[in-house]
Amino acid sequence: MDPVIIVGAGPVGLVLSLALAAQGVPSVVLDEGAGKDEPRPARTVVLRADTAALVERLGCATIRDEGARWVGWRSLRRKQEMRALELGGDDFPAPLHVPQHALMRGLRDAIVDSDLVQVATHSRLDTLEQDGSGVTAHTRGPEATWWRGSHLVGCDGARSTVRKLLGVRFPGRTAVERHAVAALRADLPWPDEAVLHRLPPWRSGGEEVTARPLPDGAWRLDWLLPARGELVTPEALVSRVRDTLTGWCEGALQYDLVDTGVYTLHHRLARRWRVDRVFLAGDAAHLLGAVGTQGLDEGLRDAENLAWKLAQAWHHGASEALLDSYQAERRTAVAARLRAADQSLPILRGSGGLRTYLPGAAREHDTLLTDAHLGLGPLGAPPTYPHSPLAPRQTEGHATVGTPSGAPVADARVTAPDGTITRLRDRLGQGRLLVVLVAPGTGVWDRRHWVTAGVMPRLASAVEALPVRAELLVTECYPGASAHTVLLVRPDGHLVSAFAGVRPAELYAAADTVRGGAPESSSARADRASDRTADIN
């Protein structure tokens, strides 16, 4: 079969190619550039726990070697400390902060080790055609080339050529926020902690400044600017750096200014994320980032969500319901994130005294910004898909556990039937469902006994009979689950359903629902393609 064509070699496109390769699907990445990324220390990314784990699982070593996990979060308002949190536990997982060029280098290095990913540099897309069996794309560059793929995914950024060729609208808001940024080395009073300071009490502090640590004593500082304010000169930016460091350190401080910049944030959402065999992901599908939300996080979640569905289509064929579920799940989740951010903006950034002097306003503002920056609540928490078209109906055997259906599962310690002990998160992204039996005491029993005892043989037979590939795992405990609870987990780590005991028929029905039903036949696909051609003509 033809590979999947990925247009765009940014973080989302490269992660998608690696996620497909992990599930045995070849891809071609069309890169407009030369395949190298110029270091820009002021251009960094913040990854939440789930997206950082995804990138590391795909073989990107630089996030571990060149990224920094915050040990704490501190928020200030004027001269008052509002909140101080220790990060790193289950309640407050530590975000990972890494220079984007280091992330890109790690992803490119991982691709070099993969036989299933081809990167075509100096390849700019200019033509896109679809039929019932695949996609044809043409690129211009040193050598004009035609490419053939089973599907095509546009990961080509805010000015996406793929989106424009599809005629998909991209409505939204322009210049929602504007920031000045500086990367520097200095000894700040809060080693390895991220700091948010609202209304700092010095002349050029502005409304808000944040400091995020990087490895080796480096920091990234961001100042919130008026959305459509005056040009920020280098002299003005240096003055901001000096005033901020002097204010924080109560005196002059030696520092090494490495890089500076100014960037503007927009909020936009594509009307459609799927047009037949072509999909949009990352900035080609959505733009967000105000009040501390992270657009790259959502782009990586797009890639993880789409990869297992394209892998199912590539290996076994897929129903329209499965492929449509990408837009139904991801667009809905990002729309909710944008809506939460847009609703927060008038509260956090509005003018006038009302937002400042209402009782409890300062605490409310602090909570909203903390949630956004740390990946909590509506502004930052990993998405759930409770109303997904792939969600099975609740049956008589349904069991309630600590994870709601459609939410990401807890990273429990699990054992495979071959005796391998690992974390549940490490078994994700391999193109198969996971069936997890909660069996207290198995950790101290000899595996030869429990693997053939109790409900295990019956459950193993039920897993073998499922309509899609699945792996059977055992865990001693899972939050909120009683003994002999059976969890069905998607390849991207979202809980499908939980059952009270071994229920083969209900397990089968849930697995069939999560694959979107039986794959569409080739004749049906050809008929649909003919109908589309007739409609166009």
Protein backbone atom coordinates (compact mmCIF):
# COMPACT_ATOMS: atom_id res chain seq x y z
CA MET A 1 0.00 0.00 0.00
CA ASP A 2 0.96 3.63 -0.46
CA PRO A 3 2.39 5.53 2.51
CA VAL A 4 0.62 8.30 4.38
CA ILE A 5 1.71 11.72 3.07
CA ILE A 6 2.42 14.29 5.78
CA VAL A 7 2.75 17.89 4.63
CA GLY A 8 4.88 19.90 7.04
CA ALA A 9 7.98 18.95 9.05
CA GLY A 10 7.30 20.82 12.26
CA PRO A 11 6.86 19.07 15.62
CA VAL A 12 3.32 17.86 14.84
CA GLY A 13 4.24 16.42 11.43
CA LEU A 14 7.34 14.66 12.74
CA VAL A 15 5.51 13.25 15.78
CA LEU A 16 2.72 11.98 13.52
CA SER A 17 5.26 10.23 11.27
CA LEU A 18 6.89 8.54 14.27
CA ALA A 19 3.53 7.59 15.78
CA LEU A 20 2.53 5.96 12.48
CA ALA A 21 5.88 4.16 12.26
CA ALA A 22 5.37 2.77 15.78
CA GLN A 23 2.21 1.15 14.43
CA GLY A 24 3.81 -0.21 11.27
CA VAL A 25 2.62 2.48 8.85
CA PRO A 26 5.08 4.11 6.41
CA SER A 27 4.92 7.83 5.72
CA VAL A 28 6.49 10.52 3.55
CA VAL A 29 7.06 13.91 5.18
CA LEU A 30 7.11 16.80 2.72
CA ASP A 31 9.45 19.46 4.14
CA GLU A 32 9.60 22.88 2.50
CA GLY A 33 12.94 23.57 4.14
CA ALA A 34 16.38 22.01 4.13
CA GLY A 35 15.74 19.64 7.04
CA LYS A 36 17.60 21.73 9.62
CA ASP A 37 16.32 24.02 12.35
CA GLU A 38 18.21 27.15 13.34
CA PRO A 39 18.67 27.50 17.11
CA ARG A 40 16.47 30.22 18.62
CA PRO A 41 16.84 30.11 22.42
CA ALA A 42 13.84 32.42 22.89
CA ARG A 43 11.60 30.01 21.01
CA THR A 44 10.67 27.30 23.48
CA VAL A 45 7.74 24.94 24.08
CA VAL A 46 5.99 23.76 27.24
CA LEU A 47 4.71 20.17 27.17
CA ARG A 48 2.24 18.71 29.66
CA ALA A 49 2.87 15.31 31.22
CA ASP A 50 0.86 13.38 28.59
CA THR A 51 2.42 15.01 25.52
CA ALA A 52 5.95 14.87 27.00
CA ALA A 53 5.46 11.13 27.61
CA LEU A 54 4.24 10.70 24.02
CA VAL A 55 7.29 12.43 22.55
CA GLU A 56 9.71 10.50 24.75
CA ARG A 57 7.98 7.19 23.95
CA LEU A 58 8.54 7.92 20.25
CA GLY A 59 12.30 8.10 20.77
CA CYS A 60 12.98 11.83 21.21
CA ALA A 61 15.92 11.86 23.63
CA THR A 62 16.48 15.62 23.71
CA ILE A 63 13.43 16.39 25.85
CA ARG A 64 15.02 14.32 28.59
CA ASP A 65 18.56 15.58 28.03
CA GLU A 66 17.88 19.24 27.19
CA GLY A 67 14.49 19.94 28.80
CA ALA A 68 13.70 21.15 32.30
CA ARG A 69 10.85 19.94 34.50
CA TRP A 70 9.65 22.63 36.87
CA VAL A 71 9.87 21.68 40.53
CA GLY A 72 7.50 24.42 41.61
CA TRP A 73 5.05 27.11 40.56
CA ARG A 74 4.89 30.51 42.21
CA SER A 75 2.43 33.32 41.47
CA LEU A 76 2.81 36.91 42.68
CA ARG A 77 0.58 39.99 42.52
CA ARG A 78 2.27 43.32 43.08
CA LYS A 79 4.39 42.60 46.19
CA GLN A 80 2.26 39.74 47.49
CA GLU A 81 2.77 36.01 46.96
CA MET A 82 -0.56 34.48 45.90
CA ARG A 83 0.35 30.82 45.56
CA ALA A 84 3.29 28.42 45.81
CA LEU A 85 2.95 24.83 44.63
CA GLU A 86 5.31 21.88 44.57
CA LEU A 87 5.13 20.12 41.21
CA GLY A 88 5.81 16.52 40.28
CA GLY A 89 3.04 14.51 41.95
CA ASP A 90 -0.24 13.16 40.61
CA ASP A 91 -2.17 16.30 41.58
CA PHE A 92 0.28 18.72 39.98
CA PRO A 93 2.40 16.98 37.33
CA ALA A 94 5.44 18.98 36.29
CA PRO A 95 5.37 20.54 32.80
CA LEU A 96 8.45 20.09 30.63
CA HIS A 97 10.11 23.18 29.15
CA VAL A 98 12.46 22.68 26.19
CA PRO A 99 13.89 24.82 23.36
CA GLN A 100 11.96 24.08 20.19
CA HIS A 101 15.13 23.54 18.15
CA ALA A 102 16.21 20.86 20.66
CA LEU A 103 12.82 19.16 20.39
CA MET A 104 13.05 19.23 16.60
CA ARG A 105 16.58 17.83 16.62
CA GLY A 106 15.48 14.95 18.85
CA LEU A 107 12.54 14.15 16.57
CA ARG A 108 14.72 14.25 13.45
CA ASP A 109 17.27 11.96 15.12
CA ALA A 110 14.49 9.49 15.95
CA ILE A 111 13.33 9.56 12.33
CA VAL A 112 16.85 8.69 11.13
CA ASP A 113 16.53 5.44 13.08
CA SER A 114 13.17 4.57 11.49
CA ASP A 115 12.90 2.62 8.24
CA LEU A 116 9.26 3.67 7.79
CA VAL A 117 9.68 7.47 7.56
CA GLN A 118 10.99 9.28 4.49
CA VAL A 119 11.62 13.03 4.69
CA ALA A 120 11.63 14.89 1.35
CA THR A 121 13.30 18.28 1.78
CA HIS A 122 12.79 21.33 -0.47
CA SER A 123 9.33 19.98 -1.33
CA ARG A 124 6.57 22.59 -1.46
CA LEU A 125 3.05 21.32 -2.08
CA ASP A 126 1.11 22.99 -4.88
CA THR A 127 -1.44 20.40 -6.10
CA LEU A 128 -3.69 17.92 -4.32
CA GLU A 129 -6.06 15.37 -5.84
CA GLN A 130 -8.16 12.56 -4.32
CA ASP A 131 -9.89 9.45 -5.59
CA GLY A 132 -11.49 6.34 -4.09
CA SER A 133 -8.20 4.60 -3.34
CA GLY A 134 -5.80 7.36 -2.35
CA VAL A 135 -4.35 10.86 -2.65
CA THR A 136 -2.02 12.33 -5.25
CA ALA A 137 0.11 15.35 -4.39
CA HIS A 138 2.55 17.41 -6.44
CA THR A 139 5.47 19.35 -5.01
CA ARG A 140 7.73 21.91 -6.57
CA GLY A 141 11.35 22.44 -5.66
CA PRO A 142 14.71 21.49 -7.21
CA GLU A 143 12.86 18.53 -8.72
CA ALA A 144 9.09 18.66 -9.28
CA THR A 145 7.63 15.40 -7.96
CA TRP A 146 4.30 13.58 -7.87
CA TRP A 147 3.53 11.63 -4.69
CA ARG A 148 0.94 8.94 -4.10
CA GLY A 149 -0.44 8.15 -0.66
CA SER A 150 -3.26 6.30 1.07
CA HIS A 151 -4.12 9.47 3.03
CA LEU A 152 -2.67 12.96 3.43
CA VAL A 153 -2.37 15.05 6.60
CA GLY A 154 -1.77 18.79 6.52
CA CYS A 155 0.56 19.72 9.39
CA ASP A 156 1.82 22.77 7.53
CA GLY A 157 1.07 25.52 10.00
CA ALA A 158 -1.13 28.57 10.28
CA ARG A 159 -0.81 29.44 6.57
CA SER A 160 -1.53 25.84 5.56
CA THR A 161 -1.41 25.17 1.83
CA VAL A 162 -3.38 21.96 2.39
CA ARG A 163 -6.21 23.86 4.07
CA LYS A 164 -6.28 26.42 1.26
CA LEU A 165 -6.31 23.74 -1.46
CA LEU A 166 -9.25 22.10 0.30
CA GLY A 167 -11.11 25.40 0.50
CA VAL A 168 -11.61 25.06 4.27
CA ARG A 169 -12.36 28.30 6.11
CA PHE A 170 -10.24 29.32 9.14
CA PRO A 171 -12.27 31.85 11.15
CA GLY A 172 -11.28 33.31 14.49
CA ARG A 173 -9.73 36.26 16.28
CA THR A 174 -6.53 38.08 15.34
CA ALA A 175 -3.95 39.47 17.80
CA VAL A 176 -5.58 38.10 20.95
CA GLU A 177 -2.35 38.62 22.91
CA ARG A 178 1.11 39.99 22.23
CA HIS A 179 4.27 39.21 24.19
CA ALA A 180 7.88 40.34 24.35
CA VAL A 181 10.25 37.50 25.18
CA ALA A 182 13.87 37.18 26.28
CA ALA A 183 16.10 34.15 26.84
CA LEU A 184 18.87 34.81 29.35
CA ARG A 185 21.11 33.30 31.99
CA ALA A 186 20.84 34.61 35.51
CA ASP A 187 20.59 33.46 39.13
CA LEU A 188 16.96 34.19 39.95
CA PRO A 189 15.60 33.71 43.49
CA TRP A 190 13.50 30.66 42.51
CA PRO A 191 15.78 27.94 41.05
CA ASP A 192 13.89 25.52 38.76
CA GLU A 193 10.52 27.11 39.61
CA ALA A 194 8.20 28.83 37.13
CA VAL A 195 6.98 32.27 38.23
CA LEU A 196 3.98 34.36 37.19
CA HIS A 197 4.02 37.99 38.42
CA ARG A 198 0.90 40.11 37.83
CA LEU A 199 1.06 43.90 38.14
CA PRO A 200 4.75 43.98 39.15
CA PRO A 201 5.55 47.17 41.08
CA TRP A 202 8.14 48.72 38.79
CA ARG A 203 7.94 51.16 35.94
CA SER A 204 8.21 48.86 32.89
CA GLY A 205 6.69 45.75 34.45
CA GLY A 206 3.42 46.10 32.57
CA GLU A 207 0.45 43.92 33.42
CA GLU A 208 2.15 40.51 33.62
CA VAL A 209 5.55 38.86 33.38
CA THR A 210 6.42 35.16 33.56
CA ALA A 211 9.76 33.40 34.12
CA ARG A 212 10.18 29.78 33.04
CA PRO A 213 13.38 27.85 33.84
CA LEU A 214 15.46 26.00 31.28
CA PRO A 215 18.53 23.80 31.88
CA ASP A 216 21.95 25.20 32.82
CA GLY A 217 20.71 28.33 34.57
CA ALA A 218 18.80 29.64 31.54
CA TRP A 219 15.38 31.29 31.70
CA ARG A 220 12.70 32.47 29.34
CA LEU A 221 10.94 35.68 30.38
CA ASP A 222 7.66 36.82 28.77
CA TRP A 223 6.03 40.24 29.18
CA LEU A 224 2.38 40.72 28.24
CA LEU A 225 2.06 43.67 25.86
CA PRO A 226 -0.95 45.62 24.61
CA ALA A 227 -2.44 43.53 21.78
CA ARG A 228 -2.00 46.31 19.23
CA GLY A 229 0.61 48.44 20.92
CA GLU A 230 3.64 50.29 19.70
CA LEU A 231 6.76 48.69 18.26
CA VAL A 232 9.03 47.18 20.92
CA THR A 233 12.54 48.45 20.30
CA PRO A 234 15.64 46.51 21.41
CA GLU A 235 16.40 49.31 23.86
CA ALA A 236 12.93 49.08 25.41
CA LEU A 237 13.21 45.31 25.75
CA VAL A 238 16.62 45.54 27.44
CA SER A 239 15.12 48.11 29.82
CA ARG A 240 12.35 45.64 30.68
CA VAL A 241 14.92 42.94 31.39
CA ARG A 242 16.92 45.19 33.73
CA ASP A 243 13.86 46.53 35.57
CA THR A 244 12.40 43.04 36.03
CA LEU A 245 15.61 41.45 37.32
CA THR A 246 16.27 44.42 39.61
CA GLY A 247 12.73 44.25 40.98
CA TRP A 248 12.93 40.53 41.64
CA CYS A 249 16.42 40.53 43.10
CA GLU A 250 16.17 43.88 44.94
CA GLY A 251 19.22 45.25 43.27
CA ALA A 252 21.42 44.99 40.19
CA LEU A 253 21.96 41.45 38.91
CA GLN A 254 24.49 40.09 36.44
CA TYR A 255 22.85 38.38 33.48
CA ASP A 256 23.69 37.15 30.01
CA LEU A 257 21.05 38.07 27.41
CA VAL A 258 20.99 35.32 24.78
CA ASP A 259 17.99 36.01 22.53
CA THR A 260 14.91 38.24 22.28
CA GLY A 261 11.72 38.43 20.28
CA VAL A 262 8.10 39.59 20.04
CA TYR A 263 5.22 37.33 19.10
CA THR A 264 1.48 37.69 18.58
CA LEU A 265 -1.11 35.05 19.46
CA HIS A 266 -4.25 34.37 17.42
CA HIS A 267 -7.29 32.18 18.08
CA ARG A 268 -8.65 30.34 15.05
CA LEU A 269 -10.44 27.04 14.34
CA ALA A 270 -10.80 25.38 10.93
CA ARG A 271 -14.37 24.59 9.92
CA ARG A 272 -13.49 21.07 8.82
CA TRP A 273 -10.61 18.82 9.84
CA ARG A 274 -11.36 16.01 7.41
CA VAL A 275 -12.19 16.11 3.71
CA ASP A 276 -12.39 12.48 2.53
CA ARG A 277 -8.80 11.16 2.68
CA VAL A 278 -7.21 14.45 3.71
CA PHE A 279 -6.94 15.67 7.31
CA LEU A 280 -5.72 18.80 9.09
CA ALA A 281 -3.71 18.79 12.33
CA GLY A 282 -1.82 21.21 14.56
CA ASP A 283 -1.70 24.88 13.57
CA ALA A 284 -3.24 24.04 10.21
CA ALA A 285 -6.42 23.15 12.12
CA HIS A 286 -6.32 25.49 15.11
CA LEU A 287 -4.47 28.40 16.70
CA LEU A 288 -4.53 29.08 20.44
CA GLY A 289 -2.13 30.12 23.17
CA ALA A 290 -3.60 33.03 25.13
CA VAL A 291 -3.56 33.15 28.97
CA GLY A 292 -0.95 30.39 29.12
CA THR A 293 -2.65 27.69 27.02
CA GLN A 294 -0.30 25.66 24.80
CA GLY A 295 -1.08 25.21 21.11
CA LEU A 296 1.62 22.59 20.54
CA ASP A 297 0.12 20.37 23.23
CA GLU A 298 -3.12 20.25 21.25
CA GLY A 299 -1.27 19.62 17.99
CA LEU A 300 0.55 16.62 19.49
CA ARG A 301 -2.78 15.30 20.80
CA ASP A 302 -4.12 15.64 17.25
CA ALA A 303 -1.25 13.48 16.01
CA GLU A 304 -1.73 10.81 18.67
CA ASN A 305 -5.48 10.66 18.07
CA LEU A 306 -5.19 10.45 14.30
CA ALA A 307 -2.25 8.02 14.16
CA TRP A 308 -4.03 4.96 15.55
CA LYS A 309 -7.07 5.58 13.33
CA LEU A 310 -4.95 5.88 10.19
CA ALA A 311 -3.04 2.76 11.28
CA GLN A 312 -6.32 0.85 11.54
CA ALA A 313 -7.32 2.12 8.09
CA TRP A 314 -3.93 1.30 6.58
CA HIS A 315 -3.68 -2.25 7.95
CA HIS A 316 -7.28 -3.41 8.06
CA GLY A 317 -9.48 -0.81 6.42
CA ALA A 318 -11.59 1.63 8.40
CA SER A 319 -15.20 2.67 8.60
CA GLU A 320 -16.29 6.22 7.92
CA ALA A 321 -17.27 6.44 11.60
CA LEU A 322 -13.70 5.78 12.73
CA LEU A 323 -12.17 8.39 10.41
CA ASP A 324 -14.91 10.93 11.15
CA SER A 325 -14.28 10.50 14.86
CA TYR A 326 -10.98 12.37 14.53
CA GLN A 327 -12.79 15.63 13.79
CA ALA A 328 -15.63 14.84 16.19
CA GLU A 329 -13.21 14.30 19.08
CA ARG A 330 -10.34 16.66 18.47
CA ARG A 331 -12.20 19.65 17.01
CA THR A 332 -14.72 19.50 19.85
CA ALA A 333 -11.91 19.36 22.44
CA VAL A 334 -9.99 22.28 20.93
CA ALA A 335 -13.19 24.30 20.49
CA ALA A 336 -13.88 23.84 24.21
CA ARG A 337 -10.33 24.99 25.02
CA LEU A 338 -10.71 28.07 22.82
CA ARG A 339 -14.10 28.82 24.33
CA ALA A 340 -12.66 28.60 27.87
CA ALA A 341 -9.77 30.90 26.92
CA ASP A 342 -12.05 33.40 25.18
CA GLN A 343 -14.35 33.48 28.22
CA SER A 344 -11.36 34.06 30.50
CA LEU A 345 -9.88 36.90 28.47
CA PRO A 346 -12.42 39.59 29.49
CA ILE A 347 -11.95 38.58 33.14
CA LEU A 348 -8.16 38.56 33.00
CA ARG A 349 -7.42 41.23 30.39
CA GLY A 350 -10.51 43.45 30.43
CA SER A 351 -10.22 47.15 31.18
CA GLY A 352 -11.68 49.09 34.10
CA GLY A 353 -11.81 48.60 37.85
CA LEU A 354 -14.60 46.01 37.97
CA ARG A 355 -12.28 43.05 37.30
CA THR A 356 -9.85 44.28 39.98
CA TYR A 357 -12.09 45.32 42.82
CA LEU A 358 -14.73 42.57 42.89
CA PRO A 359 -14.32 40.47 46.08
CA GLY A 360 -12.11 37.48 45.37
CA ALA A 361 -11.22 38.68 41.87
CA ALA A 362 -7.46 38.44 42.42
CA ARG A 363 -7.75 34.83 43.64
CA GLU A 364 -10.01 33.92 40.73
CA HIS A 365 -7.56 35.41 38.24
CA ASP A 366 -4.69 33.55 39.86
CA THR A 367 -6.56 30.22 39.67
CA LEU A 368 -7.40 30.68 35.98
CA LEU A 369 -3.82 31.51 35.04
CA THR A 370 -2.36 28.72 37.18
CA ASP A 371 -4.68 26.18 35.52
CA ALA A 372 -3.69 27.37 32.05
CA HIS A 373 0.05 27.33 32.71
CA LEU A 374 0.10 24.00 34.59
CA GLY A 375 -2.32 22.08 32.37
CA LEU A 376 -5.30 21.93 34.74
CA GLY A 377 -9.04 22.53 34.44
CA PRO A 378 -10.86 23.66 31.28
CA LEU A 379 -7.91 25.79 30.18
CA GLY A 380 -5.27 23.07 30.31
CA ALA A 381 -6.25 19.56 31.39
CA PRO A 382 -5.87 16.66 28.91
CA PRO A 383 -9.09 16.26 26.90
CA THR A 384 -11.82 13.70 27.48
CA TYR A 385 -14.12 12.29 24.81
CA PRO A 386 -17.30 11.25 26.68
CA HIS A 387 -19.56 11.94 23.69
CA SER A 388 -17.32 10.41 21.03
CA PRO A 389 -19.00 8.45 18.24
CA LEU A 390 -16.64 5.64 19.29
CA ALA A 391 -18.06 5.53 22.84
CA PRO A 392 -20.07 2.32 23.48
CA ARG A 393 -23.40 2.38 25.23
CA GLN A 394 -23.32 1.72 28.93
CA THR A 395 -24.32 -1.89 29.61
CA GLU A 396 -25.49 -3.89 32.60
CA GLY A 397 -21.90 -4.97 33.25
CA HIS A 398 -20.52 -1.43 33.37
CA ALA A 399 -18.24 -0.72 36.34
CA THR A 400 -17.41 2.73 37.72
CA VAL A 401 -13.70 3.41 38.24
CA GLY A 402 -11.64 6.48 39.07
CA THR A 403 -11.31 7.35 35.36
CA PRO A 404 -14.49 8.44 33.54
CA SER A 405 -15.17 6.82 30.17
CA GLY A 406 -13.43 8.83 27.45
CA ALA A 407 -10.75 10.23 29.80
CA PRO A 408 -7.02 9.39 29.78
CA VAL A 409 -6.25 6.36 31.94
CA ALA A 410 -4.04 6.46 35.03
CA ASP A 411 -0.47 5.30 34.42
CA ALA A 412 -0.77 2.09 36.44
CA ARG A 413 1.99 -0.52 36.83
CA VAL A 414 1.05 -3.49 34.64
CA THR A 415 2.25 -7.02 33.86
CA ALA A 416 1.97 -8.68 30.46
CA PRO A 417 1.23 -12.43 30.20
CA ASP A 418 4.89 -13.01 29.27
CA GLY A 419 5.89 -11.59 32.66
CA THR A 420 7.08 -8.18 31.45
CA ILE A 421 6.47 -5.49 34.08
CA THR A 422 6.04 -1.93 32.82
CA ARG A 423 3.84 1.15 33.01
CA LEU A 424 0.51 1.26 31.22
CA ARG A 425 1.53 4.40 29.34
CA ASP A 426 4.49 2.53 27.81
CA ARG A 427 2.12 0.06 26.08
CA LEU A 428 0.21 2.79 24.25
CA GLY A 429 0.56 3.77 20.62
CA GLN A 430 1.26 0.29 19.23
CA GLY A 431 -1.86 -0.04 17.09
CA ARG A 432 -3.85 -2.25 19.44
CA LEU A 433 -6.40 -1.96 22.19
CA LEU A 434 -5.36 -2.72 25.75
CA VAL A 435 -7.43 -4.96 28.01
CA VAL A 436 -6.42 -4.56 31.66
CA LEU A 437 -7.54 -6.93 34.42
CA VAL A 438 -7.43 -5.62 37.98
CA ALA A 439 -6.16 -8.61 40.00
CA PRO A 440 -4.85 -7.83 43.50
CA GLY A 441 -2.10 -10.16 44.68
CA THR A 442 -0.74 -11.14 41.28
CA GLY A 443 2.48 -9.30 42.03
CA VAL A 444 3.42 -11.77 44.75
CA TRP A 445 2.17 -14.93 43.04
CA ASP A 446 4.26 -17.01 40.72
CA ARG A 447 3.16 -16.06 37.22
CA ARG A 448 2.79 -19.77 36.29
CA HIS A 449 -0.09 -19.95 38.74
CA TRP A 450 -2.12 -16.78 38.13
CA VAL A 451 -1.85 -16.79 34.34
CA THR A 452 -3.82 -20.05 34.21
CA ALA A 453 -6.02 -19.49 37.26
CA GLY A 454 -9.35 -17.83 38.01
CA VAL A 455 -10.77 -15.60 35.28
CA MET A 456 -7.54 -15.31 33.26
CA PRO A 457 -8.12 -18.19 30.79
CA ARG A 458 -11.66 -16.96 30.03
CA LEU A 459 -10.49 -13.37 29.63
CA ALA A 460 -7.58 -14.44 27.40
CA SER A 461 -10.03 -16.26 25.12
CA ALA A 462 -12.31 -13.21 25.00
CA VAL A 463 -9.39 -10.94 24.06
CA GLU A 464 -8.27 -13.36 21.35
CA ALA A 465 -11.77 -13.25 19.83
CA LEU A 466 -12.03 -9.45 19.62
CA PRO A 467 -12.57 -7.89 16.16
CA VAL A 468 -9.37 -5.83 16.52
CA ARG A 469 -5.89 -6.58 17.86
CA ALA A 470 -5.64 -6.25 21.62
CA GLU A 471 -3.07 -6.90 24.33
CA LEU A 472 -4.01 -8.41 27.70
CA LEU A 473 -2.39 -6.81 30.77
CA VAL A 474 -2.79 -7.31 34.51
CA THR A 475 -2.50 -4.74 37.28
CA GLU A 476 -2.56 -5.13 41.03
CA CYS A 477 -4.66 -2.01 41.50
CA TYR A 478 -6.28 0.81 39.58
CA PRO A 479 -7.87 3.97 41.08
CA GLY A 480 -11.47 3.30 42.08
CA ALA A 481 -11.55 -0.24 40.65
CA SER A 482 -12.49 -3.36 42.56
CA ALA A 483 -10.98 -6.82 42.04
CA HIS A 484 -11.68 -8.46 38.66
CA THR A 485 -12.63 -5.17 36.98
CA VAL A 486 -11.71 -5.25 33.28
CA LEU A 487 -10.68 -2.03 31.53
CA LEU A 488 -10.75 -1.52 27.76
CA VAL A 489 -8.29 1.18 26.67
CA ARG A 490 -7.78 2.81 23.26
CA PRO A 491 -4.32 2.94 21.63
CA ASP A 492 -4.10 6.64 22.55
CA GLY A 493 -4.72 5.93 26.24
CA HIS A 494 -8.37 6.94 26.61
CA LEU A 495 -10.67 4.63 28.55
CA VAL A 496 -13.34 3.01 26.40
CA SER A 497 -15.22 1.26 29.20
CA ALA A 498 -14.83 -0.69 32.42
CA PHE A 499 -16.64 -3.95 33.18
CA ALA A 500 -17.44 -5.73 36.42
CA GLY A 501 -15.80 -9.06 35.70
CA VAL A 502 -15.19 -10.93 32.45
CA ARG A 503 -18.04 -10.28 30.02
CA PRO A 504 -16.98 -11.50 26.56
CA ALA A 505 -20.05 -10.30 24.64
CA GLU A 506 -19.96 -6.81 26.11
CA LEU A 507 -16.20 -6.59 25.65
CA TYR A 508 -16.58 -7.59 21.99
CA ALA A 509 -19.34 -5.04 21.40
CA ALA A 510 -17.27 -2.26 22.97
CA ALA A 511 -14.22 -3.16 20.87
CA ASP A 512 -16.35 -3.19 17.74
CA THR A 513 -17.75 0.24 18.59
CA VAL A 514 -14.34 1.74 19.22
CA ARG A 515 -13.18 0.67 15.75
CA GLY A 516 -16.29 2.34 14.30
CA GLY A 517 -17.87 -0.93 13.19
CA ALA A 518 -16.78 -3.11 10.31
CA PRO A 519 -14.42 -1.50 7.77
CA GLU A 520 -16.01 -0.11 4.64
CA SER A 521 -15.60 -2.33 1.58
CA SER A 522 -13.52 -1.18 -1.36
CA SER A 523 -16.59 -1.21 -3.61
CA ALA A 524 -18.45 1.06 -1.21
CA ARG A 525 -15.50 3.45 -1.16
CA ALA A 526 -15.43 3.47 -4.96
CA ASP A 527 -19.17 4.19 -5.07
CA ARG A 528 -18.75 7.11 -2.70
CA ALA A 529 -15.88 8.49 -4.79
CA SER A 530 -18.04 8.23 -7.93
CA ASP A 531 -20.88 10.02 -6.18
CA ARG A 532 -18.55 12.85 -5.13
CA THR A 533 -17.24 13.18 -8.69
CA ALA A 534 -20.79 13.29 -10.04
CA ASP A 535 -21.75 15.97 -7.51
CA ILE A 536 -18.76 18.09 -8.49
CA ASN A 537 -19.52 17.73 -12.20
